Amino acid sequence: MSDKPSTLVLERAEWIFKEGDPGESLYLIKSGMVQIVKEINGTEVTLATLSDNEVFGEMALFSDLPRSASAQALVAVTLTHIPKSFIRGKFDSSDQLFQLGVTSLFQFLR
């Protein structure tokens, strides 16, 4: 895949990523709905339902840990796929204090 943002179109029920996958990108919902789910004690629990102009998948970008939850299209969905290399390129050229704050925030939220 390219190091630049691209459009991704998925059908209802398609998985965007699964819990445990490497966190190699984040996504912006252009249209449609996405469900964020996590397996807890053998049961799939919905953590969030997202729609147009919402972002997801960002948690794994700054922690370098695997995905902590899964994302699935609830309906046909059009996403902007933003690769980690694109985000990290912008991030790594930013102020060091900003970098420290963002990295600490994501580790705390995870």
N, C-alpha and C. Protein backbone atom coordinates (compact mmCIF):
# COMPACT_ATOMS: atom_id res chain seq x y z
N MET A 1 0.82 -1.19 0.00
CA MET A 1 0.00 0.00 0.00
C MET A 1 0.87 1.26 0.00
N SER A 2 0.32 2.35 -0.43
CA SER A 2 1.01 3.62 -0.55
C SER A 2 1.26 4.24 0.82
N ASP A 3 2.23 5.16 0.85
CA ASP A 3 2.50 5.91 2.08
C ASP A 3 1.59 7.13 2.20
N LYS A 4 0.65 7.29 1.26
CA LYS A 4 -0.26 8.43 1.27
C LYS A 4 -1.68 7.95 1.57
N PRO A 5 -2.53 8.86 2.07
CA PRO A 5 -3.93 8.48 2.30
C PRO A 5 -4.60 8.00 1.02
N SER A 6 -5.52 7.06 1.17
CA SER A 6 -6.25 6.52 0.03
C SER A 6 -7.68 6.20 0.46
N THR A 7 -8.55 5.97 -0.52
CA THR A 7 -9.95 5.65 -0.25
C THR A 7 -10.12 4.14 -0.22
N LEU A 8 -10.90 3.68 0.74
CA LEU A 8 -11.19 2.26 0.91
C LEU A 8 -12.70 2.11 0.99
N VAL A 9 -13.28 1.23 0.16
CA VAL A 9 -14.72 0.99 0.16
C VAL A 9 -14.97 -0.45 0.59
N LEU A 10 -15.82 -0.63 1.60
CA LEU A 10 -16.13 -1.96 2.12
C LEU A 10 -17.63 -2.18 2.18
N GLU A 11 -18.03 -3.42 2.10
CA GLU A 11 -19.44 -3.81 2.20
C GLU A 11 -19.80 -4.06 3.66
N ARG A 12 -21.11 -4.13 3.92
CA ARG A 12 -21.61 -4.43 5.26
C ARG A 12 -21.00 -5.73 5.77
N ALA A 13 -20.62 -5.73 7.04
CA ALA A 13 -20.08 -6.87 7.78
C ALA A 13 -18.61 -7.18 7.49
N GLU A 14 -17.97 -6.44 6.58
CA GLU A 14 -16.54 -6.67 6.35
C GLU A 14 -15.74 -6.13 7.53
N TRP A 15 -14.69 -6.88 7.88
CA TRP A 15 -13.78 -6.45 8.95
C TRP A 15 -12.75 -5.49 8.38
N ILE A 16 -12.53 -4.39 9.07
CA ILE A 16 -11.52 -3.41 8.67
C ILE A 16 -10.18 -3.83 9.28
N PHE A 17 -10.23 -4.21 10.55
CA PHE A 17 -9.10 -4.84 11.23
C PHE A 17 -9.63 -5.62 12.41
N LYS A 18 -8.80 -6.52 12.91
CA LYS A 18 -9.19 -7.38 14.03
C LYS A 18 -8.27 -7.10 15.23
N GLU A 19 -8.83 -7.29 16.41
CA GLU A 19 -8.06 -7.18 17.64
C GLU A 19 -6.81 -8.05 17.52
N GLY A 20 -5.65 -7.46 17.86
CA GLY A 20 -4.39 -8.19 17.76
C GLY A 20 -3.62 -7.92 16.49
N ASP A 21 -4.28 -7.36 15.46
CA ASP A 21 -3.57 -7.00 14.22
C ASP A 21 -2.57 -5.88 14.50
N PRO A 22 -1.53 -5.76 13.68
CA PRO A 22 -0.62 -4.62 13.82
C PRO A 22 -1.37 -3.31 13.55
N GLY A 23 -1.02 -2.27 14.26
CA GLY A 23 -1.65 -0.96 14.06
C GLY A 23 -0.90 -0.16 13.03
N GLU A 24 -1.22 -0.37 11.77
CA GLU A 24 -0.46 0.23 10.68
C GLU A 24 -1.15 1.41 10.01
N SER A 25 -2.35 1.80 10.50
CA SER A 25 -3.05 2.92 9.88
C SER A 25 -4.20 3.38 10.76
N LEU A 26 -4.72 4.55 10.43
CA LEU A 26 -5.96 5.01 11.05
C LEU A 26 -6.94 5.30 9.92
N TYR A 27 -8.20 5.50 10.28
CA TYR A 27 -9.26 5.63 9.28
C TYR A 27 -10.17 6.79 9.62
N LEU A 28 -10.62 7.48 8.57
CA LEU A 28 -11.63 8.52 8.67
C LEU A 28 -12.85 8.02 7.91
N ILE A 29 -14.02 8.04 8.55
CA ILE A 29 -15.24 7.58 7.89
C ILE A 29 -15.77 8.71 7.01
N LYS A 30 -15.81 8.47 5.71
CA LYS A 30 -16.39 9.44 4.77
C LYS A 30 -17.89 9.25 4.69
N SER A 31 -18.33 7.98 4.69
CA SER A 31 -19.77 7.68 4.74
C SER A 31 -19.95 6.26 5.26
N GLY A 32 -21.06 6.05 5.96
CA GLY A 32 -21.34 4.74 6.51
C GLY A 32 -21.19 4.69 8.01
N MET A 33 -21.20 3.48 8.55
CA MET A 33 -21.09 3.28 10.00
C MET A 33 -20.15 2.12 10.29
N VAL A 34 -19.36 2.28 11.36
CA VAL A 34 -18.39 1.28 11.78
C VAL A 34 -18.62 0.98 13.25
N GLN A 35 -18.50 -0.30 13.58
CA GLN A 35 -18.65 -0.75 14.96
C GLN A 35 -17.27 -1.14 15.48
N ILE A 36 -16.92 -0.66 16.67
CA ILE A 36 -15.67 -1.04 17.33
C ILE A 36 -16.04 -2.06 18.40
N VAL A 37 -15.44 -3.24 18.32
CA VAL A 37 -15.78 -4.33 19.25
C VAL A 37 -14.53 -4.92 19.88
N LYS A 38 -14.72 -5.46 21.08
CA LYS A 38 -13.63 -6.11 21.81
C LYS A 38 -14.16 -7.38 22.44
N GLU A 39 -13.35 -8.41 22.39
CA GLU A 39 -13.74 -9.66 23.05
C GLU A 39 -13.34 -9.57 24.52
N ILE A 40 -14.34 -9.75 25.39
CA ILE A 40 -14.11 -9.71 26.84
C ILE A 40 -14.73 -10.97 27.43
N ASN A 41 -13.88 -11.79 28.03
CA ASN A 41 -14.33 -13.06 28.62
C ASN A 41 -15.14 -13.90 27.63
N GLY A 42 -14.68 -13.96 26.39
CA GLY A 42 -15.33 -14.79 25.38
C GLY A 42 -16.57 -14.18 24.74
N THR A 43 -16.93 -12.97 25.13
CA THR A 43 -18.12 -12.30 24.58
C THR A 43 -17.68 -11.06 23.81
N GLU A 44 -18.26 -10.86 22.61
CA GLU A 44 -17.97 -9.67 21.82
C GLU A 44 -18.78 -8.49 22.36
N VAL A 45 -18.08 -7.45 22.78
CA VAL A 45 -18.71 -6.27 23.37
C VAL A 45 -18.51 -5.07 22.44
N THR A 46 -19.60 -4.37 22.12
CA THR A 46 -19.49 -3.16 21.30
C THR A 46 -19.01 -2.01 22.16
N LEU A 47 -17.89 -1.42 21.77
CA LEU A 47 -17.34 -0.28 22.51
C LEU A 47 -17.84 1.05 21.95
N ALA A 48 -18.06 1.08 20.64
CA ALA A 48 -18.51 2.32 20.00
C ALA A 48 -19.12 2.03 18.65
N THR A 49 -20.03 2.90 18.25
CA THR A 49 -20.58 2.90 16.90
C THR A 49 -20.28 4.27 16.32
N LEU A 50 -19.55 4.29 15.22
CA LEU A 50 -19.05 5.53 14.63
C LEU A 50 -19.67 5.76 13.26
N SER A 51 -19.73 7.03 12.86
CA SER A 51 -20.29 7.35 11.55
C SER A 51 -19.50 8.49 10.91
N ASP A 52 -20.09 9.11 9.91
CA ASP A 52 -19.43 10.11 9.08
C ASP A 52 -18.55 11.09 9.87
N ASN A 53 -17.35 11.30 9.35
CA ASN A 53 -16.36 12.26 9.86
C ASN A 53 -15.74 11.87 11.19
N GLU A 54 -15.93 10.64 11.62
CA GLU A 54 -15.26 10.17 12.84
C GLU A 54 -14.03 9.37 12.47
N VAL A 55 -13.04 9.38 13.37
CA VAL A 55 -11.76 8.73 13.16
C VAL A 55 -11.65 7.54 14.12
N PHE A 56 -11.03 6.47 13.64
CA PHE A 56 -10.76 5.32 14.51
C PHE A 56 -9.46 4.65 14.08
N GLY A 57 -8.92 3.82 14.96
CA GLY A 57 -7.69 3.11 14.68
C GLY A 57 -6.44 3.85 15.11
N GLU A 58 -6.62 5.00 15.74
CA GLU A 58 -5.48 5.84 16.10
C GLU A 58 -4.71 5.35 17.31
N MET A 59 -5.35 4.57 18.18
CA MET A 59 -4.71 4.16 19.44
C MET A 59 -3.43 3.37 19.21
N ALA A 60 -3.40 2.51 18.23
CA ALA A 60 -2.24 1.65 17.99
C ALA A 60 -1.09 2.39 17.30
N LEU A 61 -1.36 3.55 16.73
CA LEU A 61 -0.32 4.25 15.96
C LEU A 61 0.84 4.74 16.81
N PHE A 62 0.54 5.20 17.99
CA PHE A 62 1.58 5.82 18.81
C PHE A 62 2.10 4.90 19.91
N SER A 63 1.47 3.76 20.10
CA SER A 63 1.92 2.85 21.14
C SER A 63 2.79 1.73 20.58
N ASP A 64 2.74 1.51 19.27
CA ASP A 64 3.44 0.41 18.60
C ASP A 64 3.01 -0.95 19.14
N LEU A 65 1.82 -1.02 19.74
CA LEU A 65 1.24 -2.27 20.22
C LEU A 65 0.18 -2.72 19.23
N PRO A 66 -0.20 -4.00 19.28
CA PRO A 66 -1.26 -4.48 18.37
C PRO A 66 -2.60 -3.79 18.66
N ARG A 67 -3.52 -3.92 17.73
CA ARG A 67 -4.87 -3.37 17.89
C ARG A 67 -5.50 -3.90 19.17
N SER A 68 -6.13 -3.01 19.93
CA SER A 68 -6.76 -3.41 21.19
C SER A 68 -8.23 -3.76 21.01
N ALA A 69 -8.76 -3.57 19.80
CA ALA A 69 -10.16 -3.89 19.50
C ALA A 69 -10.27 -4.13 17.99
N SER A 70 -11.43 -4.59 17.56
CA SER A 70 -11.70 -4.84 16.14
C SER A 70 -12.64 -3.78 15.60
N ALA A 71 -12.61 -3.59 14.27
CA ALA A 71 -13.51 -2.64 13.61
C ALA A 71 -14.20 -3.34 12.45
N GLN A 72 -15.53 -3.18 12.38
CA GLN A 72 -16.32 -3.85 11.36
C GLN A 72 -17.32 -2.86 10.76
N ALA A 73 -17.51 -2.95 9.44
CA ALA A 73 -18.50 -2.11 8.76
C ALA A 73 -19.90 -2.58 9.12
N LEU A 74 -20.73 -1.68 9.62
CA LEU A 74 -22.12 -2.02 9.93
C LEU A 74 -23.01 -1.93 8.70
N VAL A 75 -22.62 -1.07 7.78
CA VAL A 75 -23.29 -0.88 6.48
C VAL A 75 -22.16 -0.68 5.47
N ALA A 76 -22.48 -0.54 4.20
CA ALA A 76 -21.45 -0.20 3.23
C ALA A 76 -20.77 1.09 3.70
N VAL A 77 -19.46 1.11 3.64
CA VAL A 77 -18.71 2.22 4.21
C VAL A 77 -17.60 2.67 3.26
N THR A 78 -17.38 3.98 3.22
CA THR A 78 -16.26 4.55 2.48
C THR A 78 -15.35 5.22 3.50
N LEU A 79 -14.09 4.81 3.49
CA LEU A 79 -13.12 5.29 4.48
C LEU A 79 -11.95 5.97 3.79
N THR A 80 -11.32 6.90 4.50
CA THR A 80 -10.00 7.37 4.10
C THR A 80 -9.01 6.59 4.96
N HIS A 81 -8.16 5.82 4.31
CA HIS A 81 -7.14 5.01 4.96
C HIS A 81 -5.87 5.87 5.04
N ILE A 82 -5.38 6.12 6.27
CA ILE A 82 -4.20 6.97 6.45
C ILE A 82 -3.10 6.12 7.07
N PRO A 83 -2.06 5.79 6.29
CA PRO A 83 -1.00 4.90 6.78
C PRO A 83 -0.20 5.50 7.94
N LYS A 84 0.29 4.60 8.78
CA LYS A 84 1.12 4.99 9.92
C LYS A 84 2.33 5.80 9.46
N SER A 85 2.94 5.40 8.34
CA SER A 85 4.14 6.10 7.86
C SER A 85 3.84 7.56 7.52
N PHE A 86 2.64 7.84 7.00
CA PHE A 86 2.23 9.20 6.68
C PHE A 86 2.08 10.02 7.97
N ILE A 87 1.35 9.45 8.94
CA ILE A 87 1.13 10.13 10.23
C ILE A 87 2.45 10.33 10.97
N ARG A 88 3.25 9.26 11.03
CA ARG A 88 4.52 9.35 11.76
C ARG A 88 5.47 10.37 11.12
N GLY A 89 5.44 10.47 9.80
CA GLY A 89 6.28 11.46 9.13
C GLY A 89 5.93 12.87 9.58
N LYS A 90 4.64 13.16 9.66
CA LYS A 90 4.18 14.47 10.13
C LYS A 90 4.51 14.66 11.62
N PHE A 91 4.24 13.62 12.39
CA PHE A 91 4.45 13.66 13.85
C PHE A 91 5.93 13.83 14.18
N ASP A 92 6.79 13.04 13.53
CA ASP A 92 8.22 13.07 13.84
C ASP A 92 8.88 14.40 13.51
N SER A 93 8.26 15.18 12.62
CA SER A 93 8.83 16.49 12.29
C SER A 93 8.23 17.61 13.15
N SER A 94 7.36 17.24 14.10
CA SER A 94 6.76 18.24 14.99
C SER A 94 7.63 18.49 16.23
N ASP A 95 7.24 19.46 17.02
CA ASP A 95 7.94 19.84 18.24
C ASP A 95 8.05 18.65 19.20
N GLN A 96 9.22 18.47 19.83
CA GLN A 96 9.45 17.34 20.73
C GLN A 96 8.52 17.34 21.94
N LEU A 97 8.18 18.50 22.46
CA LEU A 97 7.27 18.57 23.60
C LEU A 97 5.88 18.09 23.18
N PHE A 98 5.45 18.48 22.01
CA PHE A 98 4.18 18.00 21.46
C PHE A 98 4.21 16.47 21.32
N GLN A 99 5.31 15.94 20.77
CA GLN A 99 5.45 14.50 20.60
C GLN A 99 5.33 13.77 21.94
N LEU A 100 5.99 14.28 22.94
CA LEU A 100 5.95 13.65 24.27
C LEU A 100 4.53 13.67 24.83
N GLY A 101 3.85 14.79 24.70
CA GLY A 101 2.48 14.90 25.21
C GLY A 101 1.52 13.94 24.52
N VAL A 102 1.59 13.87 23.20
CA VAL A 102 0.70 12.99 22.45
C VAL A 102 1.00 11.52 22.77
N THR A 103 2.27 11.15 22.80
CA THR A 103 2.64 9.77 23.10
C THR A 103 2.17 9.37 24.49
N SER A 104 2.37 10.25 25.46
CA SER A 104 1.92 9.97 26.83
C SER A 104 0.41 9.84 26.91
N LEU A 105 -0.31 10.69 26.20
CA LEU A 105 -1.77 10.63 26.19
C LEU A 105 -2.27 9.30 25.64
N PHE A 106 -1.72 8.85 24.53
CA PHE A 106 -2.16 7.59 23.94
C PHE A 106 -1.82 6.40 24.83
N GLN A 107 -0.68 6.43 25.50
CA GLN A 107 -0.34 5.34 26.42
C GLN A 107 -1.30 5.32 27.61
N PHE A 108 -1.69 6.49 28.09
CA PHE A 108 -2.64 6.58 29.19
C PHE A 108 -4.02 6.07 28.78
N LEU A 109 -4.48 6.44 27.59
CA LEU A 109 -5.81 6.05 27.12
C LEU A 109 -5.92 4.57 26.81
N ARG A 110 -4.84 3.97 26.42
CA ARG A 110 -4.86 2.57 26.05
C ARG A 110 -5.13 1.71 27.25
